[in-house]
Protein backbone atom coordinates (compact mmCIF):
# COMPACT_ATOMS: atom_id res chain seq x y z
CA MET A 1 12.88 -36.17 31.17
CA SER A 2 9.44 -37.24 29.99
CA GLU A 3 6.40 -35.47 28.16
CA ASN A 4 4.57 -35.24 31.65
CA TRP A 5 7.33 -32.40 32.26
CA PHE A 6 5.74 -30.08 29.86
CA THR A 7 2.21 -30.44 31.38
CA ARG A 8 3.27 -29.52 34.48
CA THR A 9 5.29 -26.40 33.15
CA ARG A 10 3.52 -22.98 34.78
CA LEU A 11 5.31 -19.82 35.46
CA ARG A 12 6.07 -19.05 39.11
CA PRO A 13 8.74 -16.54 40.35
CA SER A 14 11.75 -19.01 40.83
CA ARG A 15 15.42 -19.06 40.98
CA ARG A 16 15.13 -22.58 39.68
CA MET A 17 15.51 -22.06 35.91
CA VAL A 18 14.89 -24.94 33.68
CA LEU A 19 15.61 -25.42 30.10
CA TRP A 20 12.69 -26.02 27.74
CA MET A 21 14.45 -28.99 25.62
CA CYS A 22 12.99 -32.44 25.20
CA PRO A 23 13.94 -34.68 22.15
CA ALA A 24 10.63 -36.60 22.71
CA ALA A 25 8.68 -33.87 21.45
CA PHE A 26 9.84 -34.33 18.01
CA ALA A 27 8.58 -37.72 18.11
CA THR A 28 4.98 -37.35 19.66
CA PRO A 29 3.11 -34.00 18.75
CA VAL A 30 0.00 -32.99 20.48
CA TRP A 31 -3.05 -32.79 18.48
CA SER A 32 -5.45 -30.19 19.23
CA ALA A 33 -9.03 -29.41 17.60
CA GLU A 34 -8.56 -25.92 18.12
CA ALA A 35 -5.04 -24.13 17.68
CA ALA A 36 -4.25 -21.04 19.41
CA THR A 37 -2.53 -18.37 17.62
CA ILE A 38 1.19 -16.80 18.81
CA ARG A 39 2.09 -13.66 16.87
CA ILE A 40 5.81 -13.56 16.93
CA ALA A 41 7.85 -10.17 16.06
CA THR A 42 10.91 -10.94 14.36
CA LEU A 43 13.50 -9.13 12.58
CA LYS A 44 12.62 -9.94 8.77
CA PHE A 45 15.96 -11.40 7.49
CA GLY A 46 16.93 -12.80 10.97
CA THR A 47 17.83 -16.46 11.59
CA VAL A 48 15.23 -17.12 13.87
CA ASN A 49 13.11 -17.37 10.70
CA TRP A 50 14.86 -20.44 9.44
CA GLU A 51 13.65 -21.99 12.56
CA LEU A 52 9.84 -20.55 12.21
CA ASP A 53 9.69 -21.67 8.55
CA THR A 54 10.73 -25.13 9.45
CA ILE A 55 7.97 -25.01 12.24
CA ARG A 56 5.21 -23.95 9.89
CA HIS A 57 6.32 -25.99 6.83
CA ASN A 58 6.53 -29.44 8.68
CA GLY A 59 3.35 -28.75 10.86
CA PHE A 60 5.17 -28.57 14.27
CA ASP A 61 2.92 -25.75 15.07
CA THR A 62 -0.67 -27.21 14.18
CA GLY A 63 0.86 -30.64 15.08
CA ASN A 64 1.31 -29.17 18.79
CA GLY A 65 -1.93 -27.11 19.02
CA ILE A 66 -0.64 -23.82 18.01
CA THR A 67 -0.84 -21.38 14.74
CA ILE A 68 2.54 -19.09 14.45
CA ASP A 69 1.83 -16.15 12.84
CA VAL A 70 5.05 -14.27 11.97
CA LEU A 71 5.26 -10.30 11.97
CA GLY A 72 8.53 -9.72 10.19
CA LEU A 73 9.72 -6.27 10.79
CA ALA A 74 12.49 -3.98 9.88
CA GLY A 75 14.45 -4.25 12.94
CA SER A 76 14.95 -5.45 16.34
CA SER A 77 13.47 -2.27 17.88
CA ALA A 78 10.48 -2.34 15.84
CA ALA A 79 9.94 -5.99 16.99
CA LYS A 80 10.21 -4.80 20.59
CA ILE A 81 7.59 -1.96 20.13
CA ALA A 82 5.10 -4.44 18.38
CA PHE A 83 5.36 -6.73 21.33
CA GLU A 84 5.16 -4.28 24.05
CA GLY A 85 2.25 -2.71 22.30
CA GLY A 86 0.46 -6.02 22.18
CA SER A 87 0.56 -6.34 18.51
CA ALA A 88 2.83 -9.44 18.84
CA ASP A 89 2.54 -12.02 21.89
CA ALA A 90 6.36 -13.22 21.66
CA LEU A 91 9.66 -11.95 20.13
CA VAL A 92 12.92 -13.25 20.35
CA ALA A 93 15.54 -11.15 22.65
CA ASP A 94 18.48 -11.89 25.03
CA TRP A 95 17.43 -12.85 28.72
CA ILE A 96 19.49 -9.48 29.83
CA TRP A 97 16.99 -7.28 28.63
CA VAL A 98 14.25 -9.55 30.12
CA ALA A 99 15.95 -9.08 33.27
CA ARG A 100 15.84 -5.18 32.77
CA GLN A 101 12.13 -5.10 32.17
CA ARG A 102 11.33 -7.44 34.93
CA ALA A 103 13.24 -4.86 37.11
CA ALA A 104 11.24 -2.13 35.76
CA GLY A 105 7.92 -3.77 36.74
CA LYS A 106 7.21 -5.72 33.48
CA ASP A 107 6.00 -9.10 33.71
CA TYR A 108 8.29 -10.82 30.90
CA VAL A 109 9.48 -14.31 30.58
CA PHE A 110 12.18 -16.17 28.85
CA ILE A 111 12.65 -19.34 26.84
CA PRO A 112 15.66 -20.45 25.67
CA TYR A 113 16.31 -20.56 21.77
CA SER A 114 19.93 -20.21 21.17
CA ARG A 115 23.12 -20.27 22.90
CA THR A 116 25.39 -19.18 20.11
CA VAL A 117 27.66 -16.39 20.71
CA GLY A 118 30.34 -14.64 18.67
CA SER A 119 34.05 -14.47 18.77
CA LEU A 120 36.73 -11.68 18.42
CA ILE A 121 37.82 -12.42 14.68
CA ALA A 122 40.53 -11.12 12.43
CA ALA A 123 42.07 -12.04 8.98
CA SER A 124 44.28 -14.78 9.87
CA ASP A 125 46.97 -13.41 7.74
CA ARG A 126 47.31 -10.67 10.33
CA GLY A 127 49.05 -13.19 12.83
CA TYR A 128 47.03 -12.27 16.06
CA GLU A 129 47.80 -15.02 18.67
CA ASN A 130 46.12 -13.83 21.61
CA ILE A 131 43.63 -10.97 22.68
CA GLN A 132 46.79 -9.25 23.88
CA ASP A 133 47.88 -8.68 20.53
CA LEU A 134 44.98 -6.30 20.21
CA ARG A 135 46.68 -3.40 22.28
CA GLY A 136 46.26 -0.33 20.07
CA LYS A 137 44.21 -1.81 17.35
CA LYS A 138 40.95 -0.79 15.79
CA ILE A 139 37.81 -2.96 16.67
CA GLY A 140 34.64 -2.97 14.61
CA ILE A 141 31.65 -3.82 16.78
CA ALA A 142 28.31 -4.63 15.23
CA GLY A 143 26.18 -4.64 18.59
CA GLY A 144 27.39 -1.20 19.72
CA PRO A 145 29.08 -0.44 22.73
CA LEU A 146 26.49 -2.83 25.23
CA ASP A 147 27.03 -5.60 22.79
CA LYS A 148 27.17 -8.57 25.29
CA ASN A 149 30.03 -10.14 23.41
CA TRP A 150 32.03 -7.04 23.67
CA LEU A 151 31.33 -6.68 27.36
CA ILE A 152 32.31 -10.35 28.31
CA LEU A 153 35.65 -9.87 26.19
CA GLN A 154 36.32 -6.84 28.33
CA ALA A 155 35.93 -8.93 31.39
CA TYR A 156 38.14 -11.62 30.29
CA ALA A 157 40.83 -9.11 29.01
CA ALA A 158 40.53 -7.25 32.42
CA SER A 159 41.34 -10.56 34.02
CA GLN A 160 44.54 -10.58 32.05
CA GLY A 161 45.51 -7.03 33.25
CA PHE A 162 44.27 -5.86 29.74
CA ASP A 163 41.56 -2.90 29.67
CA LEU A 164 40.30 -3.62 26.15
CA LYS A 165 37.97 -0.84 25.95
CA ALA A 166 40.82 1.88 26.90
CA GLU A 167 43.92 0.36 25.07
CA THR A 168 41.82 -0.20 21.54
CA GLU A 169 39.83 2.05 19.53
CA GLN A 170 36.29 1.14 18.64
CA VAL A 171 34.26 1.59 15.64
CA TYR A 172 30.53 0.81 16.14
CA GLY A 173 28.28 -0.04 13.15
CA ALA A 174 25.37 -2.36 11.41
CA PRO A 175 26.65 -5.77 10.75
CA PRO A 176 27.15 -5.45 7.04
CA LEU A 177 29.19 -2.12 7.57
CA ILE A 178 31.31 -3.86 10.25
CA SER A 179 31.82 -7.10 7.81
CA GLN A 180 32.86 -4.62 4.86
CA GLN A 181 35.35 -2.71 7.39
CA ALA A 182 36.95 -5.89 7.99
CA LEU A 183 37.49 -7.29 4.47
CA SER A 184 38.94 -3.84 3.15
CA GLY A 185 41.20 -3.66 6.18
CA GLY A 186 39.40 -0.67 7.69
CA VAL A 187 39.49 -2.41 11.20
CA ASP A 188 42.17 -4.59 12.47
CA ALA A 189 39.42 -7.12 14.18
CA ILE A 190 35.78 -7.14 15.02
CA ILE A 191 32.96 -8.37 16.78
CA THR A 192 29.63 -9.34 15.20
CA TYR A 193 26.73 -11.30 14.97
CA TRP A 194 27.21 -15.08 14.54
CA HIS A 195 25.98 -15.31 10.83
CA TYR A 196 28.30 -12.76 9.62
CA GLU A 197 30.99 -14.06 11.48
CA ALA A 198 30.21 -17.48 9.63
CA LYS A 199 30.58 -15.84 6.35
CA LEU A 200 33.77 -14.19 7.19
CA ARG A 201 35.07 -17.51 8.47
CA THR A 202 34.93 -18.82 4.67
CA LYS A 203 37.01 -15.70 3.42
CA GLY A 204 40.39 -16.29 5.47
CA PHE A 205 38.98 -15.08 9.23
CA ALA A 206 39.52 -16.87 12.22
CA PRO A 207 38.97 -16.16 16.03
CA VAL A 208 41.57 -14.40 18.06
CA MET A 209 39.39 -15.22 21.23
CA SER A 210 36.02 -16.84 21.14
CA VAL A 211 33.39 -15.37 23.61
CA GLU A 212 32.82 -18.79 24.73
CA ASP A 213 36.29 -19.57 25.77
CA ALA A 214 36.36 -16.16 27.46
CA ALA A 215 33.30 -17.04 29.59
CA THR A 216 34.79 -20.35 30.55
CA GLN A 217 38.02 -18.76 31.76
CA LEU A 218 35.59 -16.10 33.86
CA GLY A 219 34.27 -19.43 35.50
CA LEU A 220 30.89 -18.67 33.68
CA ALA A 221 28.84 -21.82 32.17
CA ALA A 222 29.46 -20.92 28.26
CA GLU A 223 26.51 -22.94 27.11
CA ILE A 224 23.88 -20.48 29.11
CA PRO A 225 21.23 -19.61 26.03
CA LEU A 226 21.45 -15.68 25.45
CA LEU A 227 18.65 -15.66 23.13
CA GLY A 228 14.84 -16.86 23.57
CA TYR A 229 11.46 -16.52 23.07
CA VAL A 230 10.11 -13.72 25.21
CA LEU A 231 6.50 -13.97 26.35
CA ARG A 232 4.53 -11.41 28.54
CA GLY A 233 3.85 -13.55 31.67
CA GLU A 234 0.09 -12.69 31.61
CA PHE A 235 -0.14 -14.42 28.14
CA ALA A 236 1.78 -17.36 29.29
CA ARG A 237 -0.34 -18.04 32.52
CA GLU A 238 -3.82 -17.50 30.41
CA ASN A 239 -2.31 -19.95 27.62
CA PRO A 240 0.04 -22.53 29.26
CA ALA A 241 -1.04 -25.15 26.64
CA ALA A 242 -0.26 -22.66 23.73
CA VAL A 243 3.24 -21.89 25.40
CA GLU A 244 3.97 -25.57 25.77
CA GLY A 245 3.03 -26.03 22.25
CA LEU A 246 5.53 -23.61 21.31
CA ILE A 247 8.36 -25.15 23.33
CA ARG A 248 7.34 -28.62 21.70
CA ALA A 249 7.43 -26.78 18.29
CA SER A 250 10.64 -25.32 18.42
CA ARG A 251 12.38 -28.32 19.76
CA ALA A 252 10.69 -30.35 17.00
CA ALA A 253 12.27 -27.96 14.30
CA LYS A 254 15.51 -28.02 16.00
CA THR A 255 15.84 -31.85 16.39
CA LEU A 256 15.17 -31.86 12.36
CA LEU A 257 17.78 -29.09 11.43
CA ALA A 258 20.27 -30.76 13.87
CA GLN A 259 19.97 -34.34 11.92
CA ASN A 260 18.47 -33.69 8.33
CA ASP A 261 20.56 -32.03 5.67
CA ALA A 262 17.36 -31.90 3.31
CA ALA A 263 15.76 -29.56 5.69
CA TRP A 264 18.38 -27.19 4.81
CA ASP A 265 18.25 -27.50 1.60
CA ARG A 266 14.81 -26.26 1.32
CA LEU A 267 15.76 -23.37 3.63
CA ARG A 268 18.89 -22.41 1.50
CA PRO A 269 17.10 -19.74 -0.63
CA ARG A 270 16.10 -17.50 2.42
CA MET A 271 19.57 -17.90 3.83
CA ASN A 272 21.43 -15.31 1.68
CA ALA A 273 24.57 -17.62 1.36
CA ALA A 274 26.72 -16.63 -1.41
CA ASP A 275 28.07 -19.85 -2.14
CA ASP A 276 28.58 -23.63 -0.72
CA ALA A 277 31.02 -22.47 1.78
CA GLU A 278 29.05 -19.98 3.29
CA PHE A 279 25.84 -22.32 3.34
CA SER A 280 27.97 -24.79 5.37
CA ALA A 281 29.21 -22.19 7.85
CA LEU A 282 25.65 -21.20 8.44
CA LYS A 283 24.17 -24.53 8.84
CA ASP A 284 26.98 -25.66 11.26
CA GLY A 285 26.60 -22.16 13.41
CA PHE A 286 23.03 -22.59 13.64
CA ARG A 287 23.63 -26.45 14.76
CA HIS A 288 26.23 -25.27 17.41
CA GLY A 289 23.81 -22.96 18.86
CA ILE A 290 21.11 -25.41 19.74
CA PRO A 291 21.09 -25.50 23.52
CA ALA A 292 21.60 -28.58 25.70
CA THR A 293 18.89 -29.98 27.98
CA ALA A 294 20.87 -29.27 31.34
CA PRO A 295 19.37 -27.22 33.71
CA ILE A 296 20.49 -23.53 33.71
CA ASP A 297 22.74 -22.79 36.94
CA PRO A 298 21.22 -20.00 38.68
CA ALA A 299 24.44 -18.88 40.28
CA THR A 300 26.24 -18.95 37.06
CA ALA A 301 23.26 -17.00 35.25
CA ALA A 302 23.53 -14.48 38.47
CA ALA A 303 27.31 -14.16 37.83
CA LEU A 304 26.82 -13.60 34.36
CA PHE A 305 24.40 -10.95 34.79
CA LYS A 306 26.54 -9.24 37.43
CA ILE A 307 29.54 -8.86 35.11
CA MET A 308 27.00 -7.29 32.68
CA ALA A 309 26.00 -4.92 34.98
CA GLU A 310 28.93 -3.96 36.18
CA LEU A 311 30.32 -3.00 32.71
CA GLY A 312 26.97 -2.08 31.06
CA GLY A 313 25.76 -0.19 33.88
CA ALA A 314 22.25 1.35 33.89
CA LYS A 315 22.21 1.77 30.21
CA LEU A 316 22.34 -2.10 29.82
CA VAL A 317 20.43 -3.37 32.92
CA GLY A 318 18.29 -0.42 34.07
CA ASP A 319 17.69 -0.63 37.55
CA ALA A 320 18.54 -4.22 37.91
CA GLU A 321 21.38 -4.68 40.53
CA THR A 322 20.92 -8.61 40.58
CA LEU A 323 19.44 -10.94 38.51
CA PRO A 324 15.78 -10.71 39.06
CA ASP A 325 13.37 -13.75 40.30
CA GLY A 326 11.14 -15.09 37.30
CA VAL A 327 13.09 -14.51 34.27
CA PHE A 328 13.43 -18.00 32.86
CA TYR A 329 10.02 -20.07 32.08
CA ALA A 330 10.38 -22.32 35.13
CA ALA A 331 8.80 -25.77 35.74
CA GLU A 332 6.98 -26.74 39.00
CA GLU A 333 8.64 -29.44 41.13
């Protein structure tokens, strides 16, 4: 794949979905006399800020013809309001949400950012060997009843003859609360955001079942990136060079963070790591989530969406019964 791939990239409603990652972008930034500004709404303390900080500190934005303006907000709902209201040009969200919005007539598109998914984890001394051991147990879930990891684990359990939702008790709450419940023994196992999981793994917690393994067992490609930068289609069509600059800048930051430990040392003060073990776990978790360069298989994406629609229903996917066209930022032939 050459740099020309980026110069040919445009939006079009297509089922051919192409990942955006190109190592050449790290070595050969495109300089521009006039940088376009992209306003990105983020959760103020979210992990995407590690990448955006790296982009701006190293000049990967201006070096690729853009200026990134980070709008740090209190929560994901506030970020979506800023984006939908026009106060931001982009935000980080999952492509299931983008599919729902497109089915409702909103022209949003998705550029992959991270494939990090979680696990069903429990304290190692509980001795749980597989998901079947959770029958009759209490599970803490940080993302709520429509959490994508929870839905995939339900689908896997059902394939094993286990109704995970009906045969367990669920407790929902914010990630810090769920972590505290896990540490205090208030729940038997939890599903939480990856960076909270990483910290708990340094405190004697281990996977009972990873979502990646569950997806693989279901015949789904676990490497499909769930999270990505979301833009309005109109913005992307009117500012193709800026979108391509964001793609290159993001790739450059990921390449640096994948290879350079010193880049992480600079980020450490904003990572909220209590000790060296947590710092290493967070660094490793981010690196594991960097998407590969292989194209997204449309049939696999559609199959994953079908599972989400069946389990989450209209509360999750809205009017979308199948994966709408144009969800993923696609390259022309």
